[in-house]
Amino acid sequence: MYKIITCDLDETLLSMDRSICRRNIDAIRAATEKGVKFVCASGRGYMSFQNTLKEVGLYDLADQYSISFNGGAITENKGNRVLHLEGISWELADSLYRKGREYDVCQHIYTQDTVYLYNSNEDEVAFLNNRQDFIEIYDEDLSFLKGQQIIKILYQHVGYDFLNPIEKELEYLTGDCEVSYSSGRYLEFNKKGVSKGNGLRRLAQILGVDMKDTIAIGDNVNDLSMIQAAGIGAGVGNVFEGIIDQCDYVAKADNDEGGVGEIIEKYVL
């Protein structure tokens, strides 16, 4: 029997209008009633998806868990108790921030409880609406965050064709980074070794669950590590075509139609 389901949020569990369809909610609640852990696994910070936890009936519950910051944090939902947290150094964050200013991209800088947004644009602000609160900044460097834990930085631009060359150009700087892509618009920099897959492995170890008894559901490149790590790695119907061949199963339904529910029905219910 599968004991843990890890599931990406944006474009996977969440519909394009940021809601969760009835099929997904019903399947998640039926699975949790059977004792299966349903674990939200997001690139966003855990404070940004508390309403999602409420919708699926897992908000502020003991012995229920979340993976956030692309695996940089593992929390118990009860009181958002932090079980594991790792980020990048201030020096690396500051260097990436300065380079991002040269590229003139929008940037997100994540601390444990705040997202700072530099060089915002109308499209990105609209995309973040009902997804992520943020504070806009205009600083030339990250001196104001020195001494604070920075979890990750990302660059935003609509289209990987623009971001791919930047990744290559920054290889001299990102040797200690885990670099990934998400949502068709983000180039993300986490600490080396931080990934959703390693977050799932760590949580499974904490709970004493064999990895063969886990399911991972996602839609994009930053979900690939957990799709590969899990006993069953699945994609919703709108999964990025570049990772389809790494999925054990691809749902017929997309994120608007209840693809997560379809996968849970197939393997758990």
C-alpha atoms as a PDB file:
ATOM      1  CA  MET A   1       0.000   0.000   0.000  1.00  0.00           C
ATOM      2  CA  TYR A   2       1.241   3.467  -0.826  1.00  0.00           C
ATOM      3  CA  LYS A   3       1.834   5.545   2.290  1.00  0.00           C
ATOM      4  CA  ILE A   4       2.960   8.975   1.023  1.00  0.00           C
ATOM      5  CA  ILE A   5       1.720  11.020  -1.939  1.00  0.00           C
ATOM      6  CA  THR A   6       3.804  14.102  -2.690  1.00  0.00           C
ATOM      7  CA  CYS A   7       2.148  16.543  -5.039  1.00  0.00           C
ATOM      8  CA  ASP A   8       3.234  19.749  -6.711  1.00  0.00           C
ATOM      9  CA  LEU A   9       0.808  22.666  -6.432  1.00  0.00           C
ATOM     10  CA  ASP A  10       0.938  25.196  -9.288  1.00  0.00           C
ATOM     11  CA  GLU A  11      -0.262  23.718 -12.592  1.00  0.00           C
ATOM     12  CA  THR A  12      -0.626  20.296 -10.909  1.00  0.00           C
ATOM     13  CA  LEU A  13      -3.012  20.279  -7.952  1.00  0.00           C
ATOM     14  CA  LEU A  14      -4.194  23.834  -8.584  1.00  0.00           C
ATOM     15  CA  SER A  15      -6.307  24.702 -11.595  1.00  0.00           C
ATOM     16  CA  MET A  16      -5.279  27.639 -13.747  1.00  0.00           C
ATOM     17  CA  ASP A  17      -7.682  29.866 -11.783  1.00  0.00           C
ATOM     18  CA  ARG A  18      -5.818  28.822  -8.541  1.00  0.00           C
ATOM     19  CA  SER A  19      -8.773  26.734  -7.302  1.00  0.00           C
ATOM     20  CA  ILE A  20      -8.777  22.988  -6.566  1.00  0.00           C
ATOM     21  CA  CYS A  21     -11.345  20.968  -8.459  1.00  0.00           C
ATOM     22  CA  ARG A  22     -13.820  18.756  -6.616  1.00  0.00           C
ATOM     23  CA  ARG A  23     -12.350  15.527  -8.002  1.00  0.00           C
ATOM     24  CA  ASN A  24      -8.961  16.341  -6.495  1.00  0.00           C
ATOM     25  CA  ILE A  25     -10.377  17.325  -3.113  1.00  0.00           C
ATOM     26  CA  ASP A  26     -12.544  14.211  -2.846  1.00  0.00           C
ATOM     27  CA  ALA A  27      -9.680  11.896  -3.818  1.00  0.00           C
ATOM     28  CA  ILE A  28      -7.243  13.511  -1.375  1.00  0.00           C
ATOM     29  CA  ARG A  29      -9.682  13.290   1.509  1.00  0.00           C
ATOM     30  CA  ALA A  30     -10.516   9.667   0.693  1.00  0.00           C
ATOM     31  CA  ALA A  31      -6.803   8.814   0.594  1.00  0.00           C
ATOM     32  CA  THR A  32      -6.061  10.525   3.905  1.00  0.00           C
ATOM     33  CA  GLU A  33      -9.000   8.686   5.493  1.00  0.00           C
ATOM     34  CA  LYS A  34      -7.193   5.478   4.500  1.00  0.00           C
ATOM     35  CA  GLY A  35      -4.106   6.712   6.380  1.00  0.00           C
ATOM     36  CA  VAL A  36      -2.112   7.918   3.370  1.00  0.00           C
ATOM     37  CA  LYS A  37      -0.070  11.083   3.901  1.00  0.00           C
ATOM     38  CA  PHE A  38      -0.827  13.709   1.260  1.00  0.00           C
ATOM     39  CA  VAL A  39       2.148  16.067   1.143  1.00  0.00           C
ATOM     40  CA  CYS A  40       2.040  19.372  -0.707  1.00  0.00           C
ATOM     41  CA  ALA A  41       5.425  19.840  -2.406  1.00  0.00           C
ATOM     42  CA  SER A  42       5.993  23.339  -3.741  1.00  0.00           C
ATOM     43  CA  GLY A  43       8.746  25.642  -4.880  1.00  0.00           C
ATOM     44  CA  ARG A  44       6.948  28.309  -2.883  1.00  0.00           C
ATOM     45  CA  GLY A  45       7.360  28.782   0.859  1.00  0.00           C
ATOM     46  CA  TYR A  46       5.033  26.891   3.186  1.00  0.00           C
ATOM     47  CA  MET A  47       3.314  30.052   4.446  1.00  0.00           C
ATOM     48  CA  SER A  48       2.069  30.758   0.912  1.00  0.00           C
ATOM     49  CA  PHE A  49      -0.104  27.645   0.667  1.00  0.00           C
ATOM     50  CA  GLN A  50      -1.917  27.551   3.994  1.00  0.00           C
ATOM     51  CA  ASN A  51      -5.235  28.124   2.201  1.00  0.00           C
ATOM     52  CA  THR A  52      -4.522  25.107  -0.012  1.00  0.00           C
ATOM     53  CA  LEU A  53      -4.004  22.992   3.107  1.00  0.00           C
ATOM     54  CA  LYS A  54      -7.366  24.226   4.374  1.00  0.00           C
ATOM     55  CA  GLU A  55      -9.095  23.270   1.117  1.00  0.00           C
ATOM     56  CA  VAL A  56      -7.812  19.698   1.238  1.00  0.00           C
ATOM     57  CA  GLY A  57      -8.461  19.313   4.984  1.00  0.00           C
ATOM     58  CA  LEU A  58      -4.833  19.209   6.170  1.00  0.00           C
ATOM     59  CA  TYR A  59      -4.385  22.657   7.692  1.00  0.00           C
ATOM     60  CA  ASP A  60      -2.691  22.803  11.114  1.00  0.00           C
ATOM     61  CA  LEU A  61      -2.886  19.043  11.603  1.00  0.00           C
ATOM     62  CA  ALA A  62      -0.359  17.054  13.604  1.00  0.00           C
ATOM     63  CA  ASP A  63       1.395  14.194  11.799  1.00  0.00           C
ATOM     64  CA  GLN A  64       0.699  15.770   8.395  1.00  0.00           C
ATOM     65  CA  TYR A  65       3.535  17.336   6.433  1.00  0.00           C
ATOM     66  CA  SER A  66       4.575  19.731   3.666  1.00  0.00           C
ATOM     67  CA  ILE A  67       7.667  20.119   1.494  1.00  0.00           C
ATOM     68  CA  SER A  68       8.418  23.672   0.376  1.00  0.00           C
ATOM     69  CA  PHE A  69      11.133  25.832  -1.216  1.00  0.00           C
ATOM     70  CA  ASN A  70      11.769  22.994  -3.739  1.00  0.00           C
ATOM     71  CA  GLY A  71      12.753  20.699  -0.863  1.00  0.00           C
ATOM     72  CA  GLY A  72      14.597  23.344   1.148  1.00  0.00           C
ATOM     73  CA  ALA A  73      12.104  22.964   3.996  1.00  0.00           C
ATOM     74  CA  ILE A  74      10.064  20.158   5.529  1.00  0.00           C
ATOM     75  CA  THR A  75       7.375  21.177   7.985  1.00  0.00           C
ATOM     76  CA  GLU A  76       4.729  19.494  10.086  1.00  0.00           C
ATOM     77  CA  ASN A  77       1.448  21.211   9.326  1.00  0.00           C
ATOM     78  CA  LYS A  78       0.623  21.632  13.018  1.00  0.00           C
ATOM     79  CA  GLY A  79       1.972  25.074  13.815  1.00  0.00           C
ATOM     80  CA  ASN A  80       4.193  24.891  10.703  1.00  0.00           C
ATOM     81  CA  ARG A  81       6.822  23.166  12.825  1.00  0.00           C
ATOM     82  CA  VAL A  82      10.104  23.158  10.890  1.00  0.00           C
ATOM     83  CA  LEU A  83      11.732  19.727  10.710  1.00  0.00           C
ATOM     84  CA  HIS A  84      14.367  20.625   8.146  1.00  0.00           C
ATOM     85  CA  LEU A  85      15.560  23.880   6.572  1.00  0.00           C
ATOM     86  CA  GLU A  86      18.521  24.663   4.337  1.00  0.00           C
ATOM     87  CA  GLY A  87      19.305  27.626   2.124  1.00  0.00           C
ATOM     88  CA  ILE A  88      22.076  29.379   0.238  1.00  0.00           C
ATOM     89  CA  SER A  89      24.755  31.650   1.687  1.00  0.00           C
ATOM     90  CA  TRP A  90      24.233  35.386   1.753  1.00  0.00           C
ATOM     91  CA  GLU A  91      27.365  35.819  -0.383  1.00  0.00           C
ATOM     92  CA  LEU A  92      25.988  33.558  -3.138  1.00  0.00           C
ATOM     93  CA  ALA A  93      22.546  35.156  -2.937  1.00  0.00           C
ATOM     94  CA  ASP A  94      24.045  38.619  -3.255  1.00  0.00           C
ATOM     95  CA  SER A  95      26.128  37.575  -6.277  1.00  0.00           C
ATOM     96  CA  LEU A  96      23.097  36.041  -8.005  1.00  0.00           C
ATOM     97  CA  TYR A  97      21.045  39.129  -7.223  1.00  0.00           C
ATOM     98  CA  ARG A  98      23.659  41.439  -8.719  1.00  0.00           C
ATOM     99  CA  LYS A  99      23.900  39.287 -11.853  1.00  0.00           C
ATOM    100  CA  GLY A 100      20.118  39.263 -12.127  1.00  0.00           C
ATOM    101  CA  ARG A 101      20.140  43.054 -12.122  1.00  0.00           C
ATOM    102  CA  GLU A 102      22.584  42.964 -15.045  1.00  0.00           C
ATOM    103  CA  TYR A 103      20.242  40.638 -16.949  1.00  0.00           C
ATOM    104  CA  ASP A 104      17.344  42.982 -16.092  1.00  0.00           C
ATOM    105  CA  VAL A 105      15.112  40.084 -15.012  1.00  0.00           C
ATOM    106  CA  CYS A 106      12.465  40.049 -12.347  1.00  0.00           C
ATOM    107  CA  GLN A 107      13.807  38.288  -9.245  1.00  0.00           C
ATOM    108  CA  HIS A 108      12.317  36.575  -6.200  1.00  0.00           C
ATOM    109  CA  ILE A 109      14.429  36.394  -3.046  1.00  0.00           C
ATOM    110  CA  TYR A 110      13.059  33.944  -0.488  1.00  0.00           C
ATOM    111  CA  THR A 111      13.677  34.076   3.236  1.00  0.00           C
ATOM    112  CA  GLN A 112      11.872  31.700   5.568  1.00  0.00           C
ATOM    113  CA  ASP A 113       8.781  33.875   5.857  1.00  0.00           C
ATOM    114  CA  THR A 114       9.053  36.600   3.186  1.00  0.00           C
ATOM    115  CA  VAL A 115       9.390  36.840  -0.583  1.00  0.00           C
ATOM    116  CA  TYR A 116      11.087  39.982  -1.904  1.00  0.00           C
ATOM    117  CA  LEU A 117      10.365  40.924  -5.503  1.00  0.00           C
ATOM    118  CA  TYR A 118      12.833  42.975  -7.536  1.00  0.00           C
ATOM    119  CA  ASN A 119      12.092  44.500 -10.962  1.00  0.00           C
ATOM    120  CA  SER A 120       8.468  43.420 -11.000  1.00  0.00           C
ATOM    121  CA  ASN A 121       6.368  43.480 -14.146  1.00  0.00           C
ATOM    122  CA  GLU A 122       2.646  43.477 -14.785  1.00  0.00           C
ATOM    123  CA  ASP A 123       2.567  39.885 -16.013  1.00  0.00           C
ATOM    124  CA  GLU A 124       4.424  38.550 -12.974  1.00  0.00           C
ATOM    125  CA  VAL A 125       2.304  40.489 -10.491  1.00  0.00           C
ATOM    126  CA  ALA A 126      -0.812  39.053 -12.153  1.00  0.00           C
ATOM    127  CA  PHE A 127       0.667  35.545 -12.035  1.00  0.00           C
ATOM    128  CA  LEU A 128       1.429  35.865  -8.319  1.00  0.00           C
ATOM    129  CA  ASN A 129      -2.080  37.085  -7.468  1.00  0.00           C
ATOM    130  CA  ASN A 130      -3.638  34.612  -4.992  1.00  0.00           C
ATOM    131  CA  ARG A 131      -0.461  32.526  -5.143  1.00  0.00           C
ATOM    132  CA  GLN A 132       2.235  34.452  -3.330  1.00  0.00           C
ATOM    133  CA  ASP A 133       2.456  37.593  -1.195  1.00  0.00           C
ATOM    134  CA  PHE A 134       5.587  39.656  -1.711  1.00  0.00           C
ATOM    135  CA  ILE A 135       7.407  42.857  -0.794  1.00  0.00           C
ATOM    136  CA  GLU A 136       8.844  44.900  -3.654  1.00  0.00           C
ATOM    137  CA  ILE A 137      12.460  46.044  -3.342  1.00  0.00           C
ATOM    138  CA  TYR A 138      14.658  48.386  -5.380  1.00  0.00           C
ATOM    139  CA  ASP A 139      18.051  47.812  -3.726  1.00  0.00           C
ATOM    140  CA  GLU A 140      21.331  47.538  -5.624  1.00  0.00           C
ATOM    141  CA  ASP A 141      22.428  44.609  -3.444  1.00  0.00           C
ATOM    142  CA  LEU A 142      21.127  42.409  -0.602  1.00  0.00           C
ATOM    143  CA  SER A 143      22.897  44.197   2.236  1.00  0.00           C
ATOM    144  CA  PHE A 144      19.551  44.559   4.016  1.00  0.00           C
ATOM    145  CA  LEU A 145      19.338  40.745   4.310  1.00  0.00           C
ATOM    146  CA  LYS A 146      22.863  40.133   5.616  1.00  0.00           C
ATOM    147  CA  GLY A 147      22.682  37.828   8.613  1.00  0.00           C
ATOM    148  CA  GLN A 148      19.322  36.399   7.615  1.00  0.00           C
ATOM    149  CA  GLN A 149      18.720  32.922   6.199  1.00  0.00           C
ATOM    150  CA  ILE A 150      18.071  33.114   2.456  1.00  0.00           C
ATOM    151  CA  ILE A 151      16.457  29.947   1.134  1.00  0.00           C
ATOM    152  CA  LYS A 152      16.649  30.513  -2.621  1.00  0.00           C
ATOM    153  CA  ILE A 153      16.621  33.032  -5.462  1.00  0.00           C
ATOM    154  CA  LEU A 154      14.895  32.753  -8.812  1.00  0.00           C
ATOM    155  CA  TYR A 155      14.873  34.698 -12.056  1.00  0.00           C
ATOM    156  CA  GLN A 156      11.580  35.215 -13.889  1.00  0.00           C
ATOM    157  CA  HIS A 157      11.035  35.552 -17.604  1.00  0.00           C
ATOM    158  CA  VAL A 158       8.272  34.135 -19.785  1.00  0.00           C
ATOM    159  CA  GLY A 159      10.042  31.527 -21.875  1.00  0.00           C
ATOM    160  CA  TYR A 160      12.907  29.146 -21.216  1.00  0.00           C
ATOM    161  CA  ASP A 161      14.641  30.244 -24.422  1.00  0.00           C
ATOM    162  CA  PHE A 162      15.640  33.433 -22.628  1.00  0.00           C
ATOM    163  CA  LEU A 163      16.590  31.703 -19.356  1.00  0.00           C
ATOM    164  CA  ASN A 164      18.584  28.744 -20.739  1.00  0.00           C
ATOM    165  CA  PRO A 165      21.577  30.852 -21.883  1.00  0.00           C
ATOM    166  CA  ILE A 166      21.644  32.588 -18.499  1.00  0.00           C
ATOM    167  CA  GLU A 167      21.935  29.219 -16.759  1.00  0.00           C
ATOM    168  CA  LYS A 168      24.938  28.374 -18.951  1.00  0.00           C
ATOM    169  CA  GLU A 169      26.581  31.757 -18.457  1.00  0.00           C
ATOM    170  CA  LEU A 170      26.305  31.473 -14.663  1.00  0.00           C
ATOM    171  CA  GLU A 171      27.846  28.011 -14.345  1.00  0.00           C
ATOM    172  CA  TYR A 172      31.025  29.570 -12.962  1.00  0.00           C
ATOM    173  CA  LEU A 173      28.942  30.922 -10.077  1.00  0.00           C
ATOM    174  CA  THR A 174      26.435  28.130  -9.464  1.00  0.00           C
ATOM    175  CA  GLY A 175      28.642  25.140  -8.648  1.00  0.00           C
ATOM    176  CA  ASP A 176      27.143  25.069  -5.151  1.00  0.00           C
ATOM    177  CA  CYS A 177      23.575  25.453  -6.474  1.00  0.00           C
ATOM    178  CA  GLU A 178      20.795  23.124  -7.476  1.00  0.00           C
ATOM    179  CA  VAL A 179      19.444  24.770 -10.633  1.00  0.00           C
ATOM    180  CA  SER A 180      15.930  24.013 -11.859  1.00  0.00           C
ATOM    181  CA  TYR A 181      13.058  25.394 -13.915  1.00  0.00           C
ATOM    182  CA  SER A 182       9.371  25.760 -13.076  1.00  0.00           C
ATOM    183  CA  SER A 183       6.034  27.095 -14.330  1.00  0.00           C
ATOM    184  CA  GLY A 184       7.442  27.900 -17.769  1.00  0.00           C
ATOM    185  CA  ARG A 185       8.844  31.150 -16.371  1.00  0.00           C
ATOM    186  CA  TYR A 186      11.354  30.574 -13.545  1.00  0.00           C
ATOM    187  CA  LEU A 187      15.050  29.741 -13.310  1.00  0.00           C
ATOM    188  CA  GLU A 188      15.586  28.719  -9.678  1.00  0.00           C
ATOM    189  CA  PHE A 189      18.726  28.552  -7.534  1.00  0.00           C
ATOM    190  CA  ASN A 190      18.648  26.419  -4.379  1.00  0.00           C
ATOM    191  CA  LYS A 191      21.448  25.035  -2.265  1.00  0.00           C
ATOM    192  CA  LYS A 192      23.283  22.112  -3.882  1.00  0.00           C
ATOM    193  CA  GLY A 193      21.455  18.890  -3.102  1.00  0.00           C
ATOM    194  CA  VAL A 194      18.136  20.584  -2.394  1.00  0.00           C
ATOM    195  CA  SER A 195      15.347  19.161  -4.539  1.00  0.00           C
ATOM    196  CA  LYS A 196      11.823  17.903  -4.175  1.00  0.00           C
ATOM    197  CA  GLY A 197      13.166  14.383  -4.632  1.00  0.00           C
ATOM    198  CA  ASN A 198      15.578  14.714  -1.732  1.00  0.00           C
ATOM    199  CA  GLY A 199      12.831  16.364   0.304  1.00  0.00           C
ATOM    200  CA  LEU A 200      10.663  13.302  -0.292  1.00  0.00           C
ATOM    201  CA  ARG A 201      13.524  10.973   0.640  1.00  0.00           C
ATOM    202  CA  ARG A 202      14.166  12.880   3.855  1.00  0.00           C
ATOM    203  CA  LEU A 203      10.492  12.897   4.834  1.00  0.00           C
ATOM    204  CA  ALA A 204      10.152   9.186   4.053  1.00  0.00           C
ATOM    205  CA  GLN A 205      13.149   8.526   6.295  1.00  0.00           C
ATOM    206  CA  ILE A 206      11.645  10.624   9.092  1.00  0.00           C
ATOM    207  CA  LEU A 207       8.387   8.652   8.844  1.00  0.00           C
ATOM    208  CA  GLY A 208      10.029   5.270   8.358  1.00  0.00           C
ATOM    209  CA  VAL A 209       8.455   4.755   4.925  1.00  0.00           C
ATOM    210  CA  ASP A 210      10.143   2.772   2.152  1.00  0.00           C
ATOM    211  CA  MET A 211      10.501   4.810  -1.048  1.00  0.00           C
ATOM    212  CA  LYS A 212       8.713   2.084  -3.016  1.00  0.00           C
ATOM    213  CA  ASP A 213       5.619   3.009  -1.008  1.00  0.00           C
ATOM    214  CA  THR A 214       5.570   6.617  -2.229  1.00  0.00           C
ATOM    215  CA  ILE A 215       3.861   8.395  -5.123  1.00  0.00           C
ATOM    216  CA  ALA A 216       4.968  11.726  -6.605  1.00  0.00           C
ATOM    217  CA  ILE A 217       2.796  13.865  -8.881  1.00  0.00           C
ATOM    218  CA  GLY A 218       3.991  16.868 -10.851  1.00  0.00           C
ATOM    219  CA  ASP A 219       3.966  18.763 -14.116  1.00  0.00           C
ATOM    220  CA  ASN A 220       7.352  20.400 -14.686  1.00  0.00           C
ATOM    221  CA  VAL A 221      11.115  20.153 -14.529  1.00  0.00           C
ATOM    222  CA  ASN A 222      11.477  20.998 -10.836  1.00  0.00           C
ATOM    223  CA  ASP A 223       9.182  18.029 -10.086  1.00  0.00           C
ATOM    224  CA  LEU A 224      11.356  15.567 -11.993  1.00  0.00           C
ATOM    225  CA  SER A 225      13.581  14.624  -9.048  1.00  0.00           C
ATOM    226  CA  MET A 226      10.624  13.472  -6.951  1.00  0.00           C
ATOM    227  CA  ILE A 227       8.967  11.768  -9.933  1.00  0.00           C
ATOM    228  CA  GLN A 228      12.191   9.783 -10.396  1.00  0.00           C
ATOM    229  CA  ALA A 229      12.637   9.110  -6.673  1.00  0.00           C
ATOM    230  CA  ALA A 230       9.148   7.849  -5.857  1.00  0.00           C
ATOM    231  CA  GLY A 231       7.841   4.321  -6.185  1.00  0.00           C
ATOM    232  CA  ILE A 232       5.360   5.712  -8.702  1.00  0.00           C
ATOM    233  CA  GLY A 233       6.169   8.961 -10.507  1.00  0.00           C
ATOM    234  CA  ALA A 234       3.188  10.454 -12.304  1.00  0.00           C
ATOM    235  CA  GLY A 235       2.355  13.526 -14.350  1.00  0.00           C
ATOM    236  CA  VAL A 236      -0.938  15.295 -14.787  1.00  0.00           C
ATOM    237  CA  GLY A 237      -2.274  15.629 -18.328  1.00  0.00           C
ATOM    238  CA  ASN A 238      -0.546  18.979 -18.886  1.00  0.00           C
ATOM    239  CA  VAL A 239       2.888  17.649 -17.871  1.00  0.00           C
ATOM    240  CA  PHE A 240       5.849  19.255 -19.657  1.00  0.00           C
ATOM    241  CA  GLU A 241       6.637  17.027 -22.621  1.00  0.00           C
ATOM    242  CA  GLY A 242      10.337  16.996 -21.761  1.00  0.00           C
ATOM    243  CA  ILE A 243       9.719  14.815 -18.689  1.00  0.00           C
ATOM    244  CA  ILE A 244       6.912  12.563 -19.965  1.00  0.00           C
ATOM    245  CA  ASP A 245       9.294   9.680 -20.615  1.00  0.00           C
ATOM    246  CA  GLN A 246      10.349   9.793 -16.935  1.00  0.00           C
ATOM    247  CA  CYS A 247       6.780   9.279 -15.692  1.00  0.00           C
ATOM    248  CA  ASP A 248       5.382   5.857 -14.831  1.00  0.00           C
ATOM    249  CA  TYR A 249       1.920   7.192 -15.608  1.00  0.00           C
ATOM    250  CA  VAL A 250       0.486  10.331 -17.200  1.00  0.00           C
ATOM    251  CA  ALA A 251      -3.108  11.194 -16.339  1.00  0.00           C
ATOM    252  CA  LYS A 252      -5.659  11.754 -19.055  1.00  0.00           C
ATOM    253  CA  ALA A 253      -7.002  14.692 -17.027  1.00  0.00           C
ATOM    254  CA  ASP A 254      -5.004  17.904 -16.719  1.00  0.00           C
ATOM    255  CA  ASN A 255      -4.758  20.198 -13.705  1.00  0.00           C
ATOM    256  CA  ASP A 256      -8.142  21.783 -14.479  1.00  0.00           C
ATOM    257  CA  GLU A 257      -9.877  18.432 -14.876  1.00  0.00           C
ATOM    258  CA  GLY A 258      -8.649  16.577 -11.786  1.00  0.00           C
ATOM    259  CA  GLY A 259      -5.474  14.845 -12.934  1.00  0.00           C
ATOM    260  CA  VAL A 260      -4.292  14.456  -9.338  1.00  0.00           C
ATOM    261  CA  GLY A 261      -7.603  12.850  -8.433  1.00  0.00           C
ATOM    262  CA  GLU A 262      -7.290  10.456 -11.368  1.00  0.00           C
ATOM    263  CA  ILE A 263      -3.840   9.311 -10.192  1.00  0.00           C
ATOM    264  CA  ILE A 264      -4.993   8.825  -6.600  1.00  0.00           C
ATOM    265  CA  GLU A 265      -8.039   6.880  -7.788  1.00  0.00           C
ATOM    266  CA  LYS A 266      -5.814   4.597  -9.891  1.00  0.00           C
ATOM    267  CA  TYR A 267      -3.122   3.830  -7.326  1.00  0.00           C
ATOM    268  CA  VAL A 268      -4.717   4.334  -3.897  1.00  0.00           C
ATOM    269  CA  LEU A 269      -8.501   4.168  -4.063  1.00  0.00           C
END
